[in-house]
């Protein structure tokens, strides 16, 4: 099963100078080179809208949104009510994990994916998921 690409990857890649910027750019290049090995979900796009609009930076956020949409074309899993219901159930086992992260984890479980590319260490708490940090050596070696 393909690896899930979390929303923080395109955000760091497009953002200001940061230690994760170059690794995230490299990850997105790997996604472009090996599209069959990666996917995301529709909630990531909602997160992009929310984050950039809340910072009143939607003009630049729109460019990130559009580029990620093109990059992930055909590989965006829809989030359904069953996924949200599973995320709600998971809150009992993972009370400190962010709600949106639980939604992504629920989508991954439905699709049988166990690997996520993300800088968010919150995923480390979720049983059955393996998080690959963009700056982890060898993370994009194929």
Protein backbone atom coordinates (compact mmCIF):
# COMPACT_ATOMS: atom_id res chain seq x y z
CA UNK A 1 0.00 0.00 0.00
CA UNK A 2 1.26 3.50 -0.77
CA UNK A 3 2.60 5.90 1.84
CA UNK A 4 0.39 8.73 3.09
CA UNK A 5 1.78 12.25 2.56
CA UNK A 6 0.78 14.55 5.41
CA UNK A 7 -0.09 18.20 4.85
CA UNK A 8 2.98 19.49 6.66
CA UNK A 9 5.20 18.21 3.83
CA UNK A 10 3.97 20.66 1.15
CA UNK A 11 3.68 23.41 3.77
CA UNK A 12 7.32 23.10 4.86
CA UNK A 13 8.43 22.72 1.24
CA UNK A 14 6.72 25.99 0.30
CA UNK A 15 7.48 27.83 3.52
CA UNK A 16 10.22 30.07 4.81
CA UNK A 17 13.73 28.84 5.50
CA UNK A 18 13.51 25.96 7.98
CA UNK A 19 15.50 22.76 8.64
CA UNK A 20 12.62 20.72 7.13
CA UNK A 21 12.25 22.80 3.96
CA UNK A 22 14.86 20.99 1.81
CA UNK A 23 13.89 17.50 3.03
CA UNK A 24 10.23 18.22 2.26
CA UNK A 25 11.11 19.50 -1.21
CA UNK A 26 13.03 16.25 -1.77
CA UNK A 27 10.03 14.22 -0.59
CA UNK A 28 7.73 16.02 -3.03
CA UNK A 29 10.23 15.36 -5.83
CA UNK A 30 10.10 11.65 -4.93
CA UNK A 31 6.29 11.80 -4.98
CA UNK A 32 6.46 13.26 -8.50
CA UNK A 33 8.92 10.57 -9.63
CA UNK A 34 7.05 7.65 -8.03
CA UNK A 35 3.37 8.67 -7.93
CA UNK A 36 2.12 5.12 -7.41
CA UNK A 37 3.91 4.96 -4.05
CA UNK A 38 2.14 7.90 -2.38
CA UNK A 39 -1.33 9.21 -1.59
CA UNK A 40 -3.06 11.75 0.64
CA UNK A 41 -6.63 12.54 1.64
CA UNK A 42 -9.10 15.36 1.13
CA UNK A 43 -8.72 16.51 4.75
CA UNK A 44 -5.17 17.65 3.94
CA UNK A 45 -6.60 20.13 1.46
CA UNK A 46 -9.08 21.44 4.03
CA UNK A 47 -6.14 21.87 6.41
CA UNK A 48 -4.25 23.90 3.81
CA UNK A 49 -7.22 26.22 3.37
CA UNK A 50 -7.76 26.56 7.12
CA UNK A 51 -4.12 27.19 7.99
CA UNK A 52 -3.35 29.77 5.34
CA UNK A 53 -6.66 31.60 5.74
CA UNK A 54 -6.27 31.73 9.53
CA UNK A 55 -2.89 33.39 8.98
CA UNK A 56 -4.39 35.72 6.36
CA UNK A 57 -1.96 34.30 3.81
CA UNK A 58 -4.41 32.61 1.46
CA UNK A 59 -2.85 34.09 -1.67
CA UNK A 60 0.37 32.14 -1.06
CA UNK A 61 -1.61 29.26 0.42
CA UNK A 62 -3.60 28.96 -2.78
CA UNK A 63 -0.39 28.34 -4.69
CA UNK A 64 0.56 25.57 -2.24
CA UNK A 65 -2.95 24.11 -2.51
CA UNK A 66 -2.91 24.16 -6.32
CA UNK A 67 0.57 22.64 -6.60
CA UNK A 68 -0.25 19.86 -4.11
CA UNK A 69 -3.55 19.19 -5.88
CA UNK A 70 -1.77 18.75 -9.21
CA UNK A 71 0.98 16.63 -7.66
CA UNK A 72 -1.48 14.30 -5.92
CA UNK A 73 -4.01 14.15 -8.76
CA UNK A 74 -5.78 10.80 -8.78
CA UNK A 75 -4.30 9.88 -5.41
CA UNK A 76 -6.51 11.80 -2.99
CA UNK A 77 -8.66 9.57 -0.80
CA UNK A 78 -12.04 10.99 0.11
CA UNK A 79 -12.83 11.26 3.80
CA UNK A 80 -16.16 9.65 4.56
CA UNK A 81 -18.42 9.52 7.58
CA UNK A 82 -17.05 6.08 8.42
CA UNK A 83 -13.55 7.54 8.64
CA UNK A 84 -14.75 10.33 10.91
CA UNK A 85 -16.64 7.82 13.04
CA UNK A 86 -13.51 5.68 13.41
CA UNK A 87 -11.49 8.80 14.32
CA UNK A 88 -14.07 9.57 17.01
CA UNK A 89 -13.68 6.03 18.38
CA UNK A 90 -9.89 6.39 18.33
CA UNK A 91 -10.05 9.42 20.63
CA UNK A 92 -10.54 7.05 23.58
CA UNK A 93 -7.24 5.28 22.87
CA UNK A 94 -5.32 8.36 21.73
CA UNK A 95 -6.55 11.34 23.77
CA UNK A 96 -3.45 13.44 23.07
CA UNK A 97 -3.41 12.93 19.29
CA UNK A 98 -4.80 15.80 17.22
CA UNK A 99 -8.26 15.19 15.78
CA UNK A 100 -7.16 15.78 12.20
CA UNK A 101 -4.33 13.30 12.67
CA UNK A 102 -6.87 10.73 13.85
CA UNK A 103 -8.94 11.36 10.72
CA UNK A 104 -5.87 10.73 8.54
CA UNK A 105 -5.08 7.59 10.55
CA UNK A 106 -8.65 6.36 10.07
CA UNK A 107 -8.42 6.85 6.30
CA UNK A 108 -5.10 5.01 6.31
CA UNK A 109 -6.61 2.10 8.26
CA UNK A 110 -9.53 1.87 5.86
CA UNK A 111 -7.15 1.71 2.91
CA UNK A 112 -4.64 -0.61 4.58
CA UNK A 113 -1.77 1.89 4.61
CA UNK A 114 0.61 1.77 7.57
CA UNK A 115 3.24 4.37 6.62
CA UNK A 116 2.96 8.16 6.79
CA UNK A 117 5.45 10.82 5.72
CA UNK A 118 5.08 13.56 8.31
CA UNK A 119 7.04 15.82 10.63
CA UNK A 120 4.23 15.45 13.18
CA UNK A 121 5.45 13.20 16.01
CA UNK A 122 1.86 12.81 17.22
CA UNK A 123 1.49 9.92 14.78
CA UNK A 124 4.12 7.98 16.73
CA UNK A 125 1.52 7.28 19.42
CA UNK A 126 -0.86 5.49 17.04
CA UNK A 127 -0.50 1.72 17.09
CA UNK A 128 0.03 0.14 13.69
CA UNK A 129 1.34 3.30 12.00
CA UNK A 130 4.94 3.94 11.07
CA UNK A 131 5.91 7.60 10.69
CA UNK A 132 8.74 8.56 8.39
CA UNK A 133 10.09 12.02 9.10
CA UNK A 134 11.04 13.95 5.94
CA UNK A 135 14.52 14.57 7.37
CA UNK A 136 15.11 10.91 8.24
CA UNK A 137 18.14 9.58 6.33
CA UNK A 138 17.12 7.37 3.44
CA UNK A 139 13.43 8.21 3.76
CA UNK A 140 12.99 8.64 0.01
CA UNK A 141 15.44 6.04 -1.27
CA UNK A 142 13.65 3.82 -3.75
